[in-house]
Amino acid sequence: MSIATRAAEKFDLKGVYIAHRLGVVPISEASIVVAVSAGHRGMAWKAGEEVLEEVKEKVEIWKREEFVDGGWSGGRIGRGMQRGDYYLRLRGENRDVDL
């Protein structure tokens, strides 16, 4: 079951949309959008928070900051990744996650 379907059923949502950008994301631009609609604001808010946390937990997200001088910083392993996944990610072998 997808993250969106699970949230829709749990919180009785009218709609769910999740999009995560791939590749270079310029500074100050959004890297993820989570939009939910529900009959009550509180349920929508809780659902949005839960969806975001589940995406962060399950999706392979690797942050690499690149600097003007050509240097870079990174190498930390995101919560949704294991060390083996990190190396696969660097080689360009992504695993699909059902959003």
N, C-alpha and C. Protein backbone atom coordinates (compact mmCIF):
# COMPACT_ATOMS: atom_id res chain seq x y z
N MET A 1 0.86 -1.18 0.00
CA MET A 1 0.00 0.00 0.00
C MET A 1 0.90 1.24 0.00
N SER A 2 0.55 2.22 -0.79
CA SER A 2 1.37 3.43 -0.89
C SER A 2 1.21 4.32 0.34
N ILE A 3 2.16 5.22 0.52
CA ILE A 3 2.10 6.19 1.61
C ILE A 3 0.82 7.01 1.51
N ALA A 4 0.48 7.45 0.31
CA ALA A 4 -0.71 8.28 0.10
C ALA A 4 -1.99 7.50 0.42
N THR A 5 -2.07 6.27 -0.04
CA THR A 5 -3.26 5.45 0.22
C THR A 5 -3.44 5.18 1.70
N ARG A 6 -2.34 4.85 2.37
CA ARG A 6 -2.39 4.59 3.81
C ARG A 6 -2.90 5.82 4.56
N ALA A 7 -2.37 7.00 4.22
CA ALA A 7 -2.79 8.24 4.88
C ALA A 7 -4.25 8.55 4.58
N ALA A 8 -4.67 8.35 3.33
CA ALA A 8 -6.06 8.64 2.95
C ALA A 8 -7.03 7.79 3.76
N GLU A 9 -6.70 6.52 3.94
CA GLU A 9 -7.57 5.63 4.70
C GLU A 9 -7.55 5.96 6.19
N LYS A 10 -6.37 6.19 6.74
CA LYS A 10 -6.24 6.44 8.17
C LYS A 10 -6.92 7.73 8.61
N PHE A 11 -6.80 8.79 7.79
CA PHE A 11 -7.31 10.11 8.17
C PHE A 11 -8.58 10.50 7.43
N ASP A 12 -9.15 9.59 6.65
CA ASP A 12 -10.37 9.86 5.88
C ASP A 12 -10.19 11.11 5.01
N LEU A 13 -9.09 11.12 4.25
CA LEU A 13 -8.77 12.28 3.42
C LEU A 13 -9.57 12.28 2.13
N LYS A 14 -9.83 13.47 1.62
CA LYS A 14 -10.51 13.64 0.34
C LYS A 14 -9.52 13.56 -0.81
N GLY A 15 -8.28 13.97 -0.55
CA GLY A 15 -7.24 13.94 -1.57
C GLY A 15 -5.86 13.98 -0.95
N VAL A 16 -4.88 13.39 -1.65
CA VAL A 16 -3.49 13.38 -1.21
C VAL A 16 -2.61 13.55 -2.44
N TYR A 17 -1.59 14.41 -2.33
CA TYR A 17 -0.62 14.59 -3.42
C TYR A 17 0.76 14.68 -2.79
N ILE A 18 1.70 13.90 -3.30
CA ILE A 18 3.08 13.91 -2.81
C ILE A 18 4.00 13.99 -4.03
N ALA A 19 4.92 14.93 -4.01
CA ALA A 19 5.92 15.03 -5.08
C ALA A 19 7.26 15.39 -4.46
N HIS A 20 8.31 14.68 -4.86
CA HIS A 20 9.65 14.97 -4.37
C HIS A 20 10.54 15.21 -5.58
N ARG A 21 11.27 16.31 -5.55
CA ARG A 21 12.14 16.65 -6.67
C ARG A 21 13.38 15.76 -6.68
N LEU A 22 13.87 15.50 -7.86
CA LEU A 22 15.10 14.74 -8.05
C LEU A 22 16.15 15.65 -8.65
N GLY A 23 17.39 15.31 -8.48
CA GLY A 23 18.46 16.09 -9.06
C GLY A 23 18.77 17.33 -8.23
N VAL A 24 19.35 18.32 -8.88
CA VAL A 24 19.77 19.54 -8.20
C VAL A 24 18.56 20.37 -7.82
N VAL A 25 18.50 20.77 -6.57
CA VAL A 25 17.45 21.66 -6.08
C VAL A 25 18.14 22.93 -5.60
N PRO A 26 17.95 24.05 -6.32
CA PRO A 26 18.61 25.30 -5.92
C PRO A 26 18.24 25.72 -4.50
N ILE A 27 19.17 26.43 -3.87
CA ILE A 27 18.96 26.93 -2.52
C ILE A 27 17.66 27.72 -2.47
N SER A 28 16.92 27.55 -1.43
CA SER A 28 15.65 28.23 -1.11
C SER A 28 14.44 27.67 -1.87
N GLU A 29 14.65 26.69 -2.75
CA GLU A 29 13.51 26.09 -3.45
C GLU A 29 13.05 24.83 -2.71
N ALA A 30 11.77 24.54 -2.82
CA ALA A 30 11.20 23.37 -2.15
C ALA A 30 11.68 22.09 -2.81
N SER A 31 11.95 21.08 -1.99
CA SER A 31 12.35 19.78 -2.53
C SER A 31 11.20 18.77 -2.45
N ILE A 32 10.18 19.07 -1.64
CA ILE A 32 9.05 18.16 -1.51
C ILE A 32 7.76 18.96 -1.35
N VAL A 33 6.68 18.42 -1.91
CA VAL A 33 5.34 18.98 -1.72
C VAL A 33 4.45 17.87 -1.19
N VAL A 34 3.77 18.15 -0.10
CA VAL A 34 2.77 17.24 0.45
C VAL A 34 1.49 18.05 0.57
N ALA A 35 0.46 17.66 -0.16
CA ALA A 35 -0.83 18.37 -0.10
C ALA A 35 -1.92 17.36 0.25
N VAL A 36 -2.71 17.71 1.24
CA VAL A 36 -3.82 16.83 1.64
C VAL A 36 -5.07 17.67 1.82
N SER A 37 -6.22 17.06 1.61
CA SER A 37 -7.49 17.74 1.89
C SER A 37 -8.36 16.81 2.72
N ALA A 38 -9.05 17.41 3.69
CA ALA A 38 -9.90 16.63 4.60
C ALA A 38 -11.07 17.49 5.02
N GLY A 39 -12.05 16.86 5.62
CA GLY A 39 -13.22 17.58 6.09
C GLY A 39 -12.92 18.50 7.26
N HIS A 40 -11.81 18.22 7.97
CA HIS A 40 -11.46 19.02 9.14
C HIS A 40 -9.98 19.38 9.09
N ARG A 41 -9.67 20.62 9.41
CA ARG A 41 -8.31 21.14 9.34
C ARG A 41 -7.34 20.31 10.20
N GLY A 42 -7.76 19.94 11.40
CA GLY A 42 -6.88 19.19 12.30
C GLY A 42 -6.43 17.87 11.72
N MET A 43 -7.36 17.15 11.10
CA MET A 43 -7.02 15.86 10.49
C MET A 43 -6.07 16.06 9.31
N ALA A 44 -6.32 17.10 8.52
CA ALA A 44 -5.44 17.38 7.38
C ALA A 44 -4.03 17.69 7.87
N TRP A 45 -3.93 18.48 8.92
CA TRP A 45 -2.61 18.86 9.45
C TRP A 45 -1.86 17.61 9.95
N LYS A 46 -2.52 16.77 10.73
CA LYS A 46 -1.90 15.55 11.24
C LYS A 46 -1.48 14.63 10.09
N ALA A 47 -2.35 14.51 9.10
CA ALA A 47 -2.05 13.65 7.95
C ALA A 47 -0.82 14.15 7.20
N GLY A 48 -0.76 15.46 6.96
CA GLY A 48 0.38 16.03 6.25
C GLY A 48 1.69 15.78 6.98
N GLU A 49 1.66 15.96 8.30
CA GLU A 49 2.87 15.71 9.10
C GLU A 49 3.28 14.24 9.03
N GLU A 50 2.30 13.35 9.14
CA GLU A 50 2.61 11.92 9.11
C GLU A 50 3.15 11.49 7.75
N VAL A 51 2.55 12.01 6.68
CA VAL A 51 3.02 11.68 5.33
C VAL A 51 4.47 12.14 5.17
N LEU A 52 4.77 13.37 5.57
CA LEU A 52 6.13 13.89 5.44
C LEU A 52 7.12 13.02 6.21
N GLU A 53 6.80 12.66 7.43
CA GLU A 53 7.70 11.83 8.24
C GLU A 53 7.89 10.45 7.63
N GLU A 54 6.83 9.88 7.05
CA GLU A 54 6.96 8.56 6.42
C GLU A 54 7.82 8.64 5.16
N VAL A 55 7.67 9.71 4.39
CA VAL A 55 8.53 9.88 3.21
C VAL A 55 9.98 9.99 3.65
N LYS A 56 10.26 10.79 4.67
CA LYS A 56 11.63 10.95 5.17
C LYS A 56 12.20 9.63 5.68
N GLU A 57 11.35 8.79 6.22
CA GLU A 57 11.79 7.50 6.77
C GLU A 57 12.04 6.47 5.68
N LYS A 58 11.22 6.46 4.61
CA LYS A 58 11.27 5.37 3.64
C LYS A 58 11.94 5.70 2.32
N VAL A 59 12.01 6.95 1.95
CA VAL A 59 12.55 7.32 0.65
C VAL A 59 14.04 7.59 0.77
N GLU A 60 14.80 7.10 -0.19
CA GLU A 60 16.25 7.33 -0.20
C GLU A 60 16.53 8.77 -0.60
N ILE A 61 16.91 9.56 0.38
CA ILE A 61 17.23 10.96 0.12
C ILE A 61 18.66 11.19 0.57
N TRP A 62 19.50 11.61 -0.35
CA TRP A 62 20.89 11.86 -0.02
C TRP A 62 21.19 13.31 -0.34
N LYS A 63 21.66 14.03 0.64
CA LYS A 63 21.93 15.45 0.47
C LYS A 63 23.41 15.66 0.16
N ARG A 64 23.67 16.37 -0.92
CA ARG A 64 25.04 16.74 -1.29
C ARG A 64 25.02 18.23 -1.58
N GLU A 65 25.71 18.99 -0.75
CA GLU A 65 25.78 20.43 -0.96
C GLU A 65 27.01 20.74 -1.81
N GLU A 66 26.81 21.51 -2.89
CA GLU A 66 27.91 21.89 -3.77
C GLU A 66 28.16 23.38 -3.61
N PHE A 67 29.46 23.75 -3.60
CA PHE A 67 29.84 25.13 -3.36
C PHE A 67 30.40 25.78 -4.63
N VAL A 68 30.44 27.10 -4.64
CA VAL A 68 30.89 27.87 -5.80
C VAL A 68 32.32 27.49 -6.20
N ASP A 69 33.18 27.19 -5.23
CA ASP A 69 34.58 26.86 -5.53
C ASP A 69 34.76 25.43 -6.05
N GLY A 70 33.65 24.72 -6.25
CA GLY A 70 33.71 23.36 -6.76
C GLY A 70 33.75 22.29 -5.68
N GLY A 71 33.92 22.71 -4.44
CA GLY A 71 33.92 21.76 -3.33
C GLY A 71 32.51 21.29 -3.03
N TRP A 72 32.42 20.26 -2.23
CA TRP A 72 31.10 19.76 -1.85
C TRP A 72 31.16 19.16 -0.46
N SER A 73 29.99 19.05 0.13
CA SER A 73 29.84 18.48 1.45
C SER A 73 28.68 17.50 1.38
N GLY A 74 28.81 16.41 2.04
CA GLY A 74 27.73 15.43 2.01
C GLY A 74 28.17 14.15 2.65
N GLY A 75 27.58 13.09 2.19
CA GLY A 75 27.97 11.80 2.67
C GLY A 75 27.17 11.29 3.85
N ARG A 76 26.29 12.12 4.40
CA ARG A 76 25.49 11.61 5.51
C ARG A 76 24.43 10.69 4.95
N ILE A 77 24.06 9.71 5.71
CA ILE A 77 23.06 8.75 5.27
C ILE A 77 21.72 9.16 5.86
N GLY A 78 20.74 9.39 5.01
CA GLY A 78 19.41 9.79 5.45
C GLY A 78 18.73 8.70 6.25
N ARG A 79 17.70 9.07 6.98
CA ARG A 79 17.00 8.12 7.84
C ARG A 79 16.43 6.94 7.07
N GLY A 80 16.06 7.15 5.81
CA GLY A 80 15.43 6.08 5.05
C GLY A 80 16.42 5.19 4.32
N MET A 81 17.71 5.34 4.62
CA MET A 81 18.72 4.60 3.88
C MET A 81 19.61 3.79 4.81
N GLN A 82 20.12 2.71 4.28
CA GLN A 82 21.15 1.91 4.95
C GLN A 82 22.46 2.22 4.24
N ARG A 83 23.57 1.88 4.85
CA ARG A 83 24.87 2.19 4.23
C ARG A 83 24.97 1.59 2.83
N GLY A 84 24.50 0.38 2.62
CA GLY A 84 24.55 -0.21 1.28
C GLY A 84 23.74 0.59 0.28
N ASP A 85 22.59 1.13 0.70
CA ASP A 85 21.77 1.96 -0.17
C ASP A 85 22.52 3.20 -0.60
N TYR A 86 23.29 3.77 0.32
CA TYR A 86 24.06 4.98 0.05
C TYR A 86 25.00 4.75 -1.12
N TYR A 87 25.72 3.65 -1.09
CA TYR A 87 26.66 3.38 -2.16
C TYR A 87 25.94 3.05 -3.46
N LEU A 88 24.81 2.36 -3.40
CA LEU A 88 24.02 2.13 -4.61
C LEU A 88 23.56 3.45 -5.19
N ARG A 89 23.14 4.37 -4.32
CA ARG A 89 22.66 5.68 -4.76
C ARG A 89 23.78 6.43 -5.48
N LEU A 90 25.00 6.36 -4.96
CA LEU A 90 26.11 7.05 -5.59
C LEU A 90 26.41 6.48 -6.98
N ARG A 91 26.16 5.20 -7.16
CA ARG A 91 26.37 4.59 -8.47
C ARG A 91 25.17 4.78 -9.39
N GLY A 92 24.12 5.42 -8.89
CA GLY A 92 22.97 5.70 -9.73
C GLY A 92 21.94 4.60 -9.79
N GLU A 93 22.00 3.64 -8.87
CA GLU A 93 21.05 2.54 -8.87
C GLU A 93 19.98 2.80 -7.82
N ASN A 94 18.93 3.51 -8.17
CA ASN A 94 17.87 3.86 -7.22
C ASN A 94 16.87 2.73 -7.05
N ARG A 95 16.31 2.64 -5.84
CA ARG A 95 15.18 1.74 -5.60
C ARG A 95 13.93 2.60 -5.64
N ASP A 96 12.89 2.08 -6.22
CA ASP A 96 11.63 2.82 -6.26
C ASP A 96 10.90 2.69 -4.93
N VAL A 97 10.28 3.77 -4.49
CA VAL A 97 9.44 3.76 -3.31
C VAL A 97 8.06 4.22 -3.74
N ASP A 98 7.04 3.49 -3.36
CA ASP A 98 5.67 3.79 -3.76
C ASP A 98 5.11 4.93 -2.92
N LEU A 99 5.11 6.15 -3.48
CA LEU A 99 4.55 7.29 -2.78
C LEU A 99 3.05 7.28 -2.94
